[in-house]
Amino acid sequence: MNRHVEQPSPLHLHIRARWPRVMTSEGWRARLRELEGHEADMLLGTSLSRRFASLPMWVNHPANVSGFYGLLVSLALILPYRFGYPDGIWVPTWIYHTSLLLASCMGLGFASVIIVRLTGRHPVAPMRSVLYAMPFVGLTLLGVNVSDIVQVPSFLVWFLLLLPGPLYVHLSWAPRWRLLCMLEDGQDPFAGVDLDTPSSEDSVVRVVDDDSDLKDVLDALEAGDGEE
């Protein structure tokens, strides 16, 4: 029995030729197996960067990642705006500030892509303990402002709310995304770059220190062994 094999349309072939990265999201993953362990670690990073790396390349674009952070901050602003502004004002004000947040974060993400492409900079591990705390401090200060308890400069509040996501993208994710794009295009992202090869013990210690979730699990296991 002969089966009819559907041929791809000319439009599909044009899209595939014009944007091959969209059609070959698994390409860089196949080439990743050919790299050494420390090179793969630099490309993938720790837990957060690995989650973004598991997405298609057009989804995890630095501008999209930065914009996603802006969306999360906007959702967290609903409660303070609901109780801090009158009923007829809080919704338009929230929509306006959400639009500004998304535009600012995505704009900074695009700027990071351009800067990293021009400089060829490799990823740098941000101070996660500081970056993770900043949005919560900003939300606390915003709640203090809208409740008229103490007046905190608005610039400081929005600085604390806006900075962590775009800064993480600029320091860590945008350089990794550039390297992954090079790997998917068949280029060597480490050509002409001397990387220090760490020992196995140093690699394990560094990964544990960088990944707070893994560190908590190991601490819990050690505590259980101590009780026994």
N, C-alpha and C. Protein backbone atom coordinates (compact mmCIF):
# COMPACT_ATOMS: atom_id res chain seq x y z
N MET A 1 0.86 -1.20 0.00
CA MET A 1 0.00 0.00 0.00
C MET A 1 0.88 1.24 0.00
N ASN A 2 0.69 2.06 -0.98
CA ASN A 2 1.51 3.26 -1.10
C ASN A 2 0.89 4.39 -0.31
N ARG A 3 1.71 5.00 0.48
CA ARG A 3 1.25 6.14 1.27
C ARG A 3 1.67 7.42 0.59
N HIS A 4 0.78 8.36 0.63
CA HIS A 4 1.09 9.66 0.04
C HIS A 4 1.91 10.47 1.03
N VAL A 5 3.09 10.85 0.64
CA VAL A 5 3.98 11.66 1.49
C VAL A 5 3.79 13.12 1.13
N GLU A 6 3.35 13.87 2.10
CA GLU A 6 3.09 15.29 1.86
C GLU A 6 4.41 16.06 1.77
N GLN A 7 4.58 16.77 0.69
CA GLN A 7 5.78 17.56 0.49
C GLN A 7 5.64 18.91 1.19
N PRO A 8 6.73 19.44 1.75
CA PRO A 8 6.64 20.76 2.39
C PRO A 8 6.30 21.84 1.38
N SER A 9 5.51 22.78 1.83
CA SER A 9 5.09 23.86 0.95
C SER A 9 6.25 24.82 0.70
N PRO A 10 6.18 25.61 -0.38
CA PRO A 10 7.24 26.61 -0.63
C PRO A 10 7.39 27.60 0.50
N LEU A 11 6.27 27.96 1.15
CA LEU A 11 6.36 28.89 2.27
C LEU A 11 7.13 28.27 3.43
N HIS A 12 6.87 26.98 3.71
CA HIS A 12 7.58 26.30 4.78
C HIS A 12 9.08 26.22 4.47
N LEU A 13 9.42 25.92 3.23
CA LEU A 13 10.83 25.85 2.85
C LEU A 13 11.50 27.22 2.97
N HIS A 14 10.75 28.28 2.63
CA HIS A 14 11.31 29.62 2.73
C HIS A 14 11.58 29.98 4.19
N ILE A 15 10.64 29.67 5.07
CA ILE A 15 10.83 29.97 6.49
C ILE A 15 11.99 29.16 7.05
N ARG A 16 12.09 27.90 6.61
CA ARG A 16 13.16 27.04 7.10
C ARG A 16 14.53 27.53 6.66
N ALA A 17 14.59 28.07 5.46
CA ALA A 17 15.86 28.59 4.96
C ALA A 17 16.18 29.96 5.55
N ARG A 18 15.13 30.74 5.81
CA ARG A 18 15.35 32.11 6.30
C ARG A 18 15.67 32.12 7.79
N TRP A 19 14.99 31.29 8.55
CA TRP A 19 15.21 31.24 9.99
C TRP A 19 15.50 29.81 10.43
N PRO A 20 16.68 29.31 10.14
CA PRO A 20 16.99 27.91 10.48
C PRO A 20 17.00 27.65 11.97
N ARG A 21 17.30 28.66 12.79
CA ARG A 21 17.38 28.45 14.22
C ARG A 21 16.02 28.12 14.82
N VAL A 22 14.96 28.67 14.24
CA VAL A 22 13.64 28.36 14.74
C VAL A 22 13.30 26.90 14.45
N MET A 23 13.75 26.38 13.31
CA MET A 23 13.39 25.04 12.88
C MET A 23 14.32 23.98 13.46
N THR A 24 15.47 24.37 14.00
CA THR A 24 16.45 23.39 14.49
C THR A 24 16.81 23.70 15.93
N SER A 25 15.82 23.70 16.81
CA SER A 25 16.06 24.05 18.20
C SER A 25 16.91 23.02 18.93
N GLU A 26 17.00 21.79 18.39
CA GLU A 26 17.81 20.75 19.02
C GLU A 26 19.24 20.73 18.49
N GLY A 27 19.57 21.62 17.54
CA GLY A 27 20.89 21.56 16.93
C GLY A 27 22.01 21.76 17.92
N TRP A 28 21.93 22.78 18.77
CA TRP A 28 23.03 23.05 19.68
C TRP A 28 23.12 21.99 20.77
N ARG A 29 22.00 21.34 21.10
CA ARG A 29 22.05 20.29 22.11
C ARG A 29 22.83 19.08 21.61
N ALA A 30 22.71 18.81 20.31
CA ALA A 30 23.49 17.70 19.75
C ALA A 30 24.98 18.02 19.76
N ARG A 31 25.33 19.26 19.46
CA ARG A 31 26.75 19.65 19.45
C ARG A 31 27.32 19.81 20.85
N LEU A 32 26.43 20.01 21.84
CA LEU A 32 26.89 20.20 23.20
C LEU A 32 27.59 18.95 23.73
N ARG A 33 27.19 17.78 23.25
CA ARG A 33 27.80 16.53 23.71
C ARG A 33 29.27 16.41 23.29
N GLU A 34 29.67 17.18 22.27
CA GLU A 34 31.03 17.10 21.80
C GLU A 34 31.99 17.97 22.64
N LEU A 35 31.45 18.82 23.50
CA LEU A 35 32.29 19.71 24.29
C LEU A 35 32.76 19.04 25.56
N GLU A 36 33.83 19.58 26.14
CA GLU A 36 34.31 19.09 27.42
C GLU A 36 33.39 19.57 28.54
N GLY A 37 33.55 18.97 29.70
CA GLY A 37 32.64 19.23 30.81
C GLY A 37 32.62 20.69 31.25
N HIS A 38 33.81 21.31 31.40
CA HIS A 38 33.85 22.69 31.88
C HIS A 38 33.32 23.66 30.82
N GLU A 39 33.48 23.32 29.55
CA GLU A 39 32.91 24.16 28.49
C GLU A 39 31.39 24.08 28.49
N ALA A 40 30.85 22.88 28.69
CA ALA A 40 29.40 22.72 28.77
C ALA A 40 28.84 23.44 29.98
N ASP A 41 29.56 23.43 31.09
CA ASP A 41 29.11 24.13 32.28
C ASP A 41 29.05 25.64 32.04
N MET A 42 30.02 26.18 31.31
CA MET A 42 30.00 27.60 31.01
C MET A 42 28.82 27.95 30.12
N LEU A 43 28.48 27.08 29.19
CA LEU A 43 27.37 27.34 28.29
C LEU A 43 26.02 27.27 29.00
N LEU A 44 25.86 26.29 29.88
CA LEU A 44 24.56 26.05 30.50
C LEU A 44 24.39 26.78 31.82
N GLY A 45 25.48 27.00 32.55
CA GLY A 45 25.37 27.71 33.82
C GLY A 45 24.74 26.86 34.90
N THR A 46 24.11 27.52 35.86
CA THR A 46 23.49 26.83 36.99
C THR A 46 22.00 26.60 36.70
N SER A 47 21.23 26.33 37.75
CA SER A 47 19.85 25.85 37.58
C SER A 47 18.98 26.82 36.79
N LEU A 48 19.05 28.11 37.09
CA LEU A 48 18.18 29.07 36.41
C LEU A 48 18.50 29.16 34.93
N SER A 49 19.77 29.28 34.60
CA SER A 49 20.16 29.36 33.19
C SER A 49 19.85 28.06 32.45
N ARG A 50 19.97 26.92 33.13
CA ARG A 50 19.64 25.65 32.49
C ARG A 50 18.16 25.55 32.17
N ARG A 51 17.32 26.15 33.01
CA ARG A 51 15.88 26.15 32.71
C ARG A 51 15.60 26.97 31.45
N PHE A 52 16.25 28.11 31.33
CA PHE A 52 16.05 28.92 30.12
C PHE A 52 16.64 28.20 28.90
N ALA A 53 17.76 27.51 29.08
CA ALA A 53 18.39 26.83 27.96
C ALA A 53 17.55 25.67 27.44
N SER A 54 16.65 25.15 28.27
CA SER A 54 15.80 24.04 27.81
C SER A 54 14.70 24.50 26.86
N LEU A 55 14.50 25.81 26.74
CA LEU A 55 13.48 26.35 25.85
C LEU A 55 14.04 26.55 24.45
N PRO A 56 13.16 26.66 23.44
CA PRO A 56 13.65 26.97 22.08
C PRO A 56 14.39 28.31 22.05
N MET A 57 15.30 28.45 21.10
CA MET A 57 16.17 29.62 21.06
C MET A 57 15.41 30.91 20.85
N TRP A 58 14.30 30.86 20.10
CA TRP A 58 13.54 32.09 19.88
C TRP A 58 12.72 32.48 21.11
N VAL A 59 12.43 31.51 21.98
CA VAL A 59 11.68 31.80 23.20
C VAL A 59 12.61 32.37 24.27
N ASN A 60 13.81 31.79 24.41
CA ASN A 60 14.71 32.24 25.47
C ASN A 60 15.63 33.39 25.02
N HIS A 61 15.23 34.12 24.02
CA HIS A 61 15.97 35.33 23.64
C HIS A 61 16.11 36.24 24.86
N PRO A 62 17.26 36.87 25.07
CA PRO A 62 17.45 37.71 26.26
C PRO A 62 16.37 38.77 26.45
N ALA A 63 15.86 39.34 25.36
CA ALA A 63 14.79 40.33 25.50
C ALA A 63 13.54 39.68 26.07
N ASN A 64 13.23 38.44 25.64
CA ASN A 64 12.05 37.75 26.17
C ASN A 64 12.23 37.38 27.64
N VAL A 65 13.44 36.93 28.00
CA VAL A 65 13.72 36.59 29.39
C VAL A 65 13.60 37.83 30.28
N SER A 66 14.17 38.92 29.82
CA SER A 66 14.07 40.16 30.59
C SER A 66 12.63 40.66 30.67
N GLY A 67 11.90 40.54 29.56
CA GLY A 67 10.49 40.94 29.58
C GLY A 67 9.66 40.05 30.49
N PHE A 68 10.00 38.76 30.58
CA PHE A 68 9.29 37.86 31.49
C PHE A 68 9.49 38.29 32.93
N TYR A 69 10.69 38.74 33.26
CA TYR A 69 10.93 39.28 34.61
C TYR A 69 10.04 40.50 34.85
N GLY A 70 9.95 41.39 33.85
CA GLY A 70 9.09 42.56 34.00
C GLY A 70 7.64 42.16 34.22
N LEU A 71 7.18 41.09 33.55
CA LEU A 71 5.81 40.61 33.74
C LEU A 71 5.60 40.10 35.16
N LEU A 72 6.58 39.37 35.68
CA LEU A 72 6.46 38.87 37.06
C LEU A 72 6.37 40.03 38.06
N VAL A 73 7.19 41.05 37.86
CA VAL A 73 7.14 42.21 38.75
C VAL A 73 5.78 42.90 38.63
N SER A 74 5.26 43.00 37.42
CA SER A 74 3.96 43.64 37.22
C SER A 74 2.85 42.90 37.94
N LEU A 75 2.88 41.58 37.91
CA LEU A 75 1.88 40.80 38.62
C LEU A 75 1.99 41.00 40.13
N ALA A 76 3.22 41.16 40.63
CA ALA A 76 3.40 41.40 42.06
C ALA A 76 2.92 42.78 42.48
N LEU A 77 2.76 43.70 41.52
CA LEU A 77 2.31 45.05 41.85
C LEU A 77 0.80 45.16 41.99
N ILE A 78 0.07 44.12 41.62
CA ILE A 78 -1.40 44.21 41.64
C ILE A 78 -1.91 44.50 43.04
N LEU A 79 -1.44 43.76 44.03
CA LEU A 79 -1.93 43.93 45.39
C LEU A 79 -1.62 45.31 45.97
N PRO A 80 -0.37 45.80 45.89
CA PRO A 80 -0.12 47.16 46.40
C PRO A 80 -0.93 48.22 45.67
N TYR A 81 -1.11 48.10 44.37
CA TYR A 81 -1.88 49.08 43.63
C TYR A 81 -3.36 49.01 43.97
N ARG A 82 -3.86 47.80 44.22
CA ARG A 82 -5.29 47.65 44.54
C ARG A 82 -5.66 48.36 45.82
N PHE A 83 -4.78 48.29 46.82
CA PHE A 83 -5.09 48.90 48.11
C PHE A 83 -4.44 50.27 48.28
N GLY A 84 -3.59 50.66 47.36
CA GLY A 84 -2.91 51.95 47.50
C GLY A 84 -3.50 53.06 46.67
N TYR A 85 -4.35 52.72 45.70
CA TYR A 85 -4.96 53.71 44.83
C TYR A 85 -6.47 53.58 44.87
N PRO A 86 -7.22 54.66 44.60
CA PRO A 86 -8.68 54.57 44.55
C PRO A 86 -9.16 53.58 43.50
N ASP A 87 -10.43 53.16 43.64
CA ASP A 87 -10.98 52.11 42.78
C ASP A 87 -10.93 52.47 41.30
N GLY A 88 -11.17 53.71 40.96
CA GLY A 88 -11.23 54.08 39.55
C GLY A 88 -9.88 54.40 38.94
N ILE A 89 -8.81 54.33 39.74
CA ILE A 89 -7.50 54.76 39.26
C ILE A 89 -6.50 53.61 39.21
N TRP A 90 -6.63 52.63 40.09
CA TRP A 90 -5.56 51.65 40.24
C TRP A 90 -5.39 50.77 38.99
N VAL A 91 -6.46 50.44 38.30
CA VAL A 91 -6.32 49.59 37.12
C VAL A 91 -5.59 50.32 35.98
N PRO A 92 -6.02 51.53 35.59
CA PRO A 92 -5.26 52.24 34.54
C PRO A 92 -3.81 52.51 34.94
N THR A 93 -3.59 52.83 36.23
CA THR A 93 -2.22 53.08 36.69
C THR A 93 -1.38 51.81 36.59
N TRP A 94 -1.96 50.67 36.97
CA TRP A 94 -1.22 49.41 36.89
C TRP A 94 -0.91 49.05 35.43
N ILE A 95 -1.88 49.24 34.55
CA ILE A 95 -1.64 48.93 33.14
C ILE A 95 -0.54 49.83 32.57
N TYR A 96 -0.58 51.09 32.93
CA TYR A 96 0.44 52.03 32.44
C TYR A 96 1.83 51.65 32.93
N HIS A 97 1.96 51.34 34.22
CA HIS A 97 3.27 50.99 34.76
C HIS A 97 3.72 49.62 34.27
N THR A 98 2.79 48.70 34.04
CA THR A 98 3.14 47.41 33.47
C THR A 98 3.72 47.58 32.06
N SER A 99 3.10 48.45 31.28
CA SER A 99 3.62 48.69 29.92
C SER A 99 5.02 49.28 29.97
N LEU A 100 5.24 50.20 30.90
CA LEU A 100 6.58 50.78 31.03
C LEU A 100 7.60 49.73 31.47
N LEU A 101 7.20 48.85 32.41
CA LEU A 101 8.11 47.82 32.87
C LEU A 101 8.49 46.86 31.75
N LEU A 102 7.49 46.39 31.00
CA LEU A 102 7.76 45.45 29.92
C LEU A 102 8.64 46.08 28.85
N ALA A 103 8.31 47.33 28.48
CA ALA A 103 9.11 48.00 27.45
C ALA A 103 10.54 48.23 27.93
N SER A 104 10.70 48.63 29.18
CA SER A 104 12.04 48.89 29.71
C SER A 104 12.86 47.62 29.79
N CYS A 105 12.26 46.55 30.33
CA CYS A 105 13.00 45.30 30.48
C CYS A 105 13.38 44.71 29.13
N MET A 106 12.44 44.70 28.18
CA MET A 106 12.75 44.14 26.87
C MET A 106 13.77 45.01 26.13
N GLY A 107 13.67 46.33 26.29
CA GLY A 107 14.65 47.22 25.68
C GLY A 107 16.05 46.98 26.23
N LEU A 108 16.14 46.80 27.55
CA LEU A 108 17.45 46.50 28.15
C LEU A 108 17.97 45.13 27.71
N GLY A 109 17.05 44.18 27.50
CA GLY A 109 17.47 42.87 27.00
C GLY A 109 18.06 42.96 25.60
N PHE A 110 17.41 43.74 24.71
CA PHE A 110 17.95 43.94 23.37
C PHE A 110 19.30 44.66 23.43
N ALA A 111 19.41 45.65 24.32
CA ALA A 111 20.68 46.36 24.46
C ALA A 111 21.79 45.41 24.92
N SER A 112 21.46 44.47 25.81
CA SER A 112 22.47 43.50 26.27
C SER A 112 22.93 42.62 25.13
N VAL A 113 22.00 42.21 24.25
CA VAL A 113 22.38 41.38 23.10
C VAL A 113 23.37 42.13 22.21
N ILE A 114 23.09 43.40 21.96
CA ILE A 114 23.97 44.19 21.09
C ILE A 114 25.34 44.38 21.74
N ILE A 115 25.35 44.72 23.04
CA ILE A 115 26.62 44.96 23.72
C ILE A 115 27.46 43.69 23.78
N VAL A 116 26.82 42.57 24.10
CA VAL A 116 27.56 41.31 24.20
C VAL A 116 28.08 40.89 22.83
N ARG A 117 27.31 41.12 21.79
CA ARG A 117 27.78 40.76 20.45
C ARG A 117 28.97 41.62 20.05
N LEU A 118 28.99 42.88 20.42
CA LEU A 118 30.10 43.75 20.07
C LEU A 118 31.35 43.44 20.89
N THR A 119 31.17 43.14 22.16
CA THR A 119 32.32 42.93 23.04
C THR A 119 32.78 41.47 23.06
N GLY A 120 31.90 40.52 22.73
CA GLY A 120 32.26 39.11 22.80
C GLY A 120 32.51 38.64 24.22
N ARG A 121 31.89 39.27 25.18
CA ARG A 121 32.12 38.95 26.59
C ARG A 121 31.52 37.59 26.94
N HIS A 122 32.20 36.86 27.81
CA HIS A 122 31.71 35.58 28.29
C HIS A 122 30.87 35.77 29.56
N PRO A 123 30.04 34.79 29.90
CA PRO A 123 29.13 34.97 31.04
C PRO A 123 29.86 35.14 32.37
N VAL A 124 29.25 35.94 33.22
CA VAL A 124 29.77 36.19 34.57
C VAL A 124 28.67 35.83 35.56
N ALA A 125 29.03 35.13 36.62
CA ALA A 125 28.06 34.74 37.64
C ALA A 125 27.66 35.96 38.46
N PRO A 126 26.38 36.34 38.46
CA PRO A 126 25.95 37.49 39.27
C PRO A 126 25.86 37.12 40.74
N MET A 127 25.78 38.13 41.59
CA MET A 127 25.61 37.91 43.02
C MET A 127 24.14 37.57 43.27
N ARG A 128 23.83 36.29 43.26
CA ARG A 128 22.45 35.86 43.32
C ARG A 128 21.78 36.26 44.63
N SER A 129 22.50 36.18 45.74
CA SER A 129 21.89 36.52 47.03
C SER A 129 21.44 37.97 47.06
N VAL A 130 22.18 38.86 46.37
CA VAL A 130 21.80 40.27 46.32
C VAL A 130 20.68 40.50 45.32
N LEU A 131 20.80 39.93 44.13
CA LEU A 131 19.79 40.14 43.10
C LEU A 131 18.43 39.58 43.49
N TYR A 132 18.41 38.41 44.13
CA TYR A 132 17.14 37.80 44.50
C TYR A 132 16.42 38.59 45.58
N ALA A 133 17.17 39.30 46.42
CA ALA A 133 16.54 40.06 47.51
C ALA A 133 16.02 41.42 47.06
N MET A 134 16.58 41.97 46.00
CA MET A 134 16.24 43.34 45.61
C MET A 134 14.77 43.53 45.26
N PRO A 135 14.11 42.65 44.48
CA PRO A 135 12.69 42.89 44.18
C PRO A 135 11.82 42.90 45.43
N PHE A 136 12.13 42.03 46.41
CA PHE A 136 11.32 41.98 47.62
C PHE A 136 11.51 43.25 48.45
N VAL A 137 12.74 43.76 48.48
CA VAL A 137 12.97 45.03 49.16
C VAL A 137 12.22 46.16 48.45
N GLY A 138 12.25 46.16 47.10
CA GLY A 138 11.52 47.17 46.35
C GLY A 138 10.03 47.10 46.59
N LEU A 139 9.45 45.89 46.63
CA LEU A 139 8.01 45.76 46.89
C LEU A 139 7.66 46.24 48.29
N THR A 140 8.54 45.95 49.25
CA THR A 140 8.29 46.42 50.62
C THR A 140 8.29 47.94 50.68
N LEU A 141 9.27 48.57 50.03
CA LEU A 141 9.32 50.03 50.02
C LEU A 141 8.14 50.62 49.26
N LEU A 142 7.68 49.95 48.20
CA LEU A 142 6.51 50.43 47.48
C LEU A 142 5.26 50.37 48.36
N GLY A 143 5.13 49.27 49.13
CA GLY A 143 4.00 49.18 50.06
C GLY A 143 4.04 50.28 51.12
N VAL A 144 5.25 50.60 51.58
CA VAL A 144 5.39 51.70 52.55
C VAL A 144 4.98 53.02 51.92
N ASN A 145 5.33 53.21 50.65
CA ASN A 145 4.99 54.46 49.96
C ASN A 145 3.49 54.62 49.77
N VAL A 146 2.83 53.59 49.25
CA VAL A 146 1.40 53.72 48.93
C VAL A 146 0.55 53.79 50.19
N SER A 147 1.06 53.28 51.32
CA SER A 147 0.31 53.35 52.57
C SER A 147 0.59 54.63 53.34
N ASP A 148 1.46 55.50 52.80
CA ASP A 148 1.78 56.80 53.41
C ASP A 148 2.39 56.67 54.81
N ILE A 149 3.07 55.56 55.07
CA ILE A 149 3.76 55.42 56.36
C ILE A 149 5.02 56.27 56.37
N VAL A 150 5.87 56.04 55.38
CA VAL A 150 7.10 56.80 55.19
C VAL A 150 7.26 57.01 53.70
N GLN A 151 7.72 58.18 53.30
CA GLN A 151 7.94 58.48 51.90
C GLN A 151 9.36 58.09 51.49
N VAL A 152 9.45 57.12 50.61
CA VAL A 152 10.73 56.66 50.08
C VAL A 152 10.83 57.19 48.65
N PRO A 153 12.00 57.67 48.24
CA PRO A 153 12.14 58.16 46.86
C PRO A 153 11.68 57.13 45.83
N SER A 154 10.84 57.57 44.90
CA SER A 154 10.32 56.65 43.89
C SER A 154 11.43 56.07 43.03
N PHE A 155 12.47 56.85 42.80
CA PHE A 155 13.59 56.35 41.99
C PHE A 155 14.21 55.11 42.64
N LEU A 156 14.38 55.13 43.95
CA LEU A 156 14.98 53.99 44.64
C LEU A 156 14.07 52.77 44.54
N VAL A 157 12.77 52.97 44.69
CA VAL A 157 11.83 51.85 44.61
C VAL A 157 11.88 51.19 43.24
N TRP A 158 11.79 51.99 42.18
CA TRP A 158 11.77 51.43 40.83
C TRP A 158 13.14 50.88 40.43
N PHE A 159 14.19 51.43 40.98
CA PHE A 159 15.53 50.90 40.73
C PHE A 159 15.65 49.48 41.29
N LEU A 160 15.17 49.28 42.51
CA LEU A 160 15.24 47.97 43.13
C LEU A 160 14.34 46.97 42.42
N LEU A 161 13.19 47.43 41.91
CA LEU A 161 12.27 46.54 41.23
C LEU A 161 12.76 46.17 39.83
N LEU A 162 13.34 47.13 39.13
CA LEU A 162 13.67 46.93 37.71
C LEU A 162 15.02 46.27 37.49
N LEU A 163 16.00 46.56 38.33
CA LEU A 163 17.38 46.19 38.02
C LEU A 163 17.67 44.69 37.99
N PRO A 164 17.19 43.86 38.92
CA PRO A 164 17.69 42.48 39.02
C PRO A 164 17.55 41.67 37.74
N GLY A 165 16.38 41.68 37.09
CA GLY A 165 16.19 40.88 35.88
C GLY A 165 17.10 41.28 34.74
N PRO A 166 17.07 42.53 34.30
CA PRO A 166 17.97 42.94 33.22
C PRO A 166 19.45 42.78 33.56
N LEU A 167 19.83 42.95 34.83
CA LEU A 167 21.23 42.77 35.21
C LEU A 167 21.65 41.31 35.09
N TYR A 168 20.77 40.41 35.52
CA TYR A 168 21.06 38.98 35.35
C TYR A 168 21.20 38.63 33.86
N VAL A 169 20.30 39.16 33.05
CA VAL A 169 20.37 38.89 31.62
C VAL A 169 21.67 39.42 31.04
N HIS A 170 22.06 40.62 31.43
CA HIS A 170 23.27 41.23 30.86
C HIS A 170 24.53 40.49 31.29
N LEU A 171 24.61 40.10 32.55
CA LEU A 171 25.83 39.46 33.04
C LEU A 171 25.91 37.99 32.68
N SER A 172 24.79 37.29 32.73
CA SER A 172 24.82 35.84 32.63
C SER A 172 24.15 35.29 31.39
N TRP A 173 22.87 35.63 31.17
CA TRP A 173 22.14 34.92 30.13
C TRP A 173 22.46 35.40 28.72
N ALA A 174 22.58 36.69 28.49
CA ALA A 174 22.87 37.18 27.13
C ALA A 174 24.18 36.62 26.58
N PRO A 175 25.28 36.59 27.36
CA PRO A 175 26.50 35.95 26.83
C PRO A 175 26.31 34.45 26.56
N ARG A 176 25.57 33.76 27.41
CA ARG A 176 25.33 32.33 27.17
C ARG A 176 24.48 32.13 25.92
N TRP A 177 23.51 32.97 25.72
CA TRP A 177 22.66 32.85 24.53
C TRP A 177 23.48 33.07 23.26
N ARG A 178 24.42 34.00 23.31
CA ARG A 178 25.29 34.23 22.14
C ARG A 178 26.15 33.00 21.87
N LEU A 179 26.69 32.39 22.91
CA LEU A 179 27.50 31.19 22.73
C LEU A 179 26.67 30.02 22.20
N LEU A 180 25.45 29.89 22.68
CA LEU A 180 24.58 28.82 22.20
C LEU A 180 24.21 29.03 20.73
N CYS A 181 24.00 30.29 20.35
CA CYS A 181 23.72 30.58 18.94
C CYS A 181 24.92 30.22 18.06
N MET A 182 26.11 30.55 18.53
CA MET A 182 27.31 30.18 17.78
C MET A 182 27.44 28.66 17.66
N LEU A 183 27.15 27.96 18.75
CA LEU A 183 27.23 26.50 18.72
C LEU A 183 26.21 25.92 17.75
N GLU A 184 25.01 26.48 17.74
CA GLU A 184 23.99 25.98 16.82
C GLU A 184 24.33 26.27 15.36
N ASP A 185 25.03 27.36 15.13
CA ASP A 185 25.42 27.71 13.75
C ASP A 185 26.65 26.94 13.28
N GLY A 186 27.15 26.04 14.12
CA GLY A 186 28.31 25.23 13.72
C GLY A 186 29.64 25.88 14.02
N GLN A 187 29.66 27.00 14.75
CA GLN A 187 30.91 27.67 15.09
C GLN A 187 31.40 27.18 16.45
N ASP A 188 32.68 27.38 16.68
CA ASP A 188 33.28 27.03 17.97
C ASP A 188 33.21 28.25 18.88
N PRO A 189 32.36 28.23 19.92
CA PRO A 189 32.23 29.41 20.78
C PRO A 189 33.46 29.68 21.64
N PHE A 190 34.38 28.70 21.72
CA PHE A 190 35.56 28.86 22.56
C PHE A 190 36.84 28.96 21.73
N ALA A 191 36.70 29.28 20.44
CA ALA A 191 37.87 29.42 19.59
C ALA A 191 38.71 30.62 20.04
N GLY A 192 39.99 30.38 20.27
CA GLY A 192 40.89 31.45 20.69
C GLY A 192 40.75 31.86 22.13
N VAL A 193 40.00 31.09 22.92
CA VAL A 193 39.80 31.43 24.33
C VAL A 193 40.42 30.34 25.18
N ASP A 194 41.29 30.72 26.10
CA ASP A 194 41.92 29.77 27.00
C ASP A 194 41.08 29.66 28.26
N LEU A 195 40.56 28.47 28.49
CA LEU A 195 39.76 28.23 29.68
C LEU A 195 40.54 27.37 30.65
N ASP A 196 40.55 27.78 31.91
CA ASP A 196 41.21 26.98 32.94
C ASP A 196 40.35 25.75 33.23
N THR A 197 40.96 24.59 33.12
CA THR A 197 40.23 23.35 33.37
C THR A 197 40.26 23.04 34.86
N PRO A 198 39.13 23.15 35.55
CA PRO A 198 39.13 22.89 36.99
C PRO A 198 39.18 21.40 37.28
N SER A 199 39.65 21.06 38.47
CA SER A 199 39.64 19.66 38.89
C SER A 199 38.21 19.23 39.20
N SER A 200 38.01 17.91 39.30
CA SER A 200 36.65 17.39 39.55
C SER A 200 36.12 17.88 40.88
N GLU A 201 36.97 17.89 41.92
CA GLU A 201 36.52 18.33 43.24
C GLU A 201 36.15 19.80 43.22
N ASP A 202 36.96 20.63 42.56
CA ASP A 202 36.65 22.05 42.48
C ASP A 202 35.36 22.28 41.72
N SER A 203 35.11 21.50 40.68
CA SER A 203 33.90 21.66 39.89
C SER A 203 32.66 21.36 40.73
N VAL A 204 32.75 20.27 41.54
CA VAL A 204 31.61 19.91 42.38
C VAL A 204 31.35 20.99 43.41
N VAL A 205 32.40 21.49 44.04
CA VAL A 205 32.24 22.54 45.05
C VAL A 205 31.65 23.80 44.44
N ARG A 206 32.11 24.16 43.23
CA ARG A 206 31.61 25.38 42.60
C ARG A 206 30.14 25.25 42.22
N VAL A 207 29.76 24.08 41.71
CA VAL A 207 28.36 23.89 41.32
C VAL A 207 27.46 23.92 42.54
N VAL A 208 27.88 23.28 43.63
CA VAL A 208 27.08 23.27 44.85
C VAL A 208 26.94 24.68 45.41
N ASP A 209 28.02 25.44 45.42
CA ASP A 209 27.96 26.81 45.94
C ASP A 209 27.06 27.70 45.12
N ASP A 210 27.05 27.49 43.80
CA ASP A 210 26.25 28.33 42.92
C ASP A 210 24.77 27.95 42.93
N ASP A 211 24.45 26.68 43.23
CA ASP A 211 23.07 26.21 43.17
C ASP A 211 22.54 26.10 44.60
N SER A 212 21.71 27.06 45.00
CA SER A 212 21.21 27.08 46.37
C SER A 212 20.31 25.90 46.66
N ASP A 213 19.51 25.45 45.68
CA ASP A 213 18.62 24.31 45.90
C ASP A 213 19.42 23.05 46.20
N LEU A 214 20.46 22.79 45.40
CA LEU A 214 21.30 21.62 45.64
C LEU A 214 22.02 21.71 46.97
N LYS A 215 22.44 22.91 47.33
CA LYS A 215 23.13 23.09 48.60
C LYS A 215 22.22 22.79 49.77
N ASP A 216 20.93 23.21 49.69
CA ASP A 216 19.98 22.92 50.76
C ASP A 216 19.75 21.41 50.90
N VAL A 217 19.66 20.71 49.75
CA VAL A 217 19.46 19.26 49.80
C VAL A 217 20.65 18.57 50.48
N LEU A 218 21.88 18.97 50.10
CA LEU A 218 23.06 18.36 50.70
C LEU A 218 23.16 18.67 52.19
N ASP A 219 22.80 19.90 52.58
CA ASP A 219 22.82 20.25 54.01
C ASP A 219 21.82 19.39 54.78
N ALA A 220 20.63 19.16 54.17
CA ALA A 220 19.63 18.33 54.83
C ALA A 220 20.10 16.89 54.98
N LEU A 221 20.78 16.37 53.96
CA LEU A 221 21.30 15.01 54.03
C LEU A 221 22.38 14.89 55.12
N GLU A 222 23.27 15.90 55.18
CA GLU A 222 24.32 15.88 56.20
C GLU A 222 23.73 15.97 57.60
N ALA A 223 22.67 16.79 57.75
CA ALA A 223 22.02 16.90 59.05
C ALA A 223 21.38 15.58 59.45
N GLY A 224 20.79 14.87 58.48
CA GLY A 224 20.19 13.56 58.78
C GLY A 224 21.23 12.54 59.18
N ASP A 225 22.40 12.55 58.52
CA ASP A 225 23.47 11.64 58.89
C ASP A 225 24.01 11.93 60.28
N GLY A 226 24.05 13.24 60.63
CA GLY A 226 24.54 13.60 61.95
C GLY A 226 23.62 13.13 63.06
N GLU A 227 22.29 13.17 62.82
CA GLU A 227 21.35 12.72 63.84
C GLU A 227 21.45 11.23 64.07
N GLU A 228 21.73 10.46 62.96
CA GLU A 228 21.87 9.03 63.11
C GLU A 228 23.12 8.68 63.93
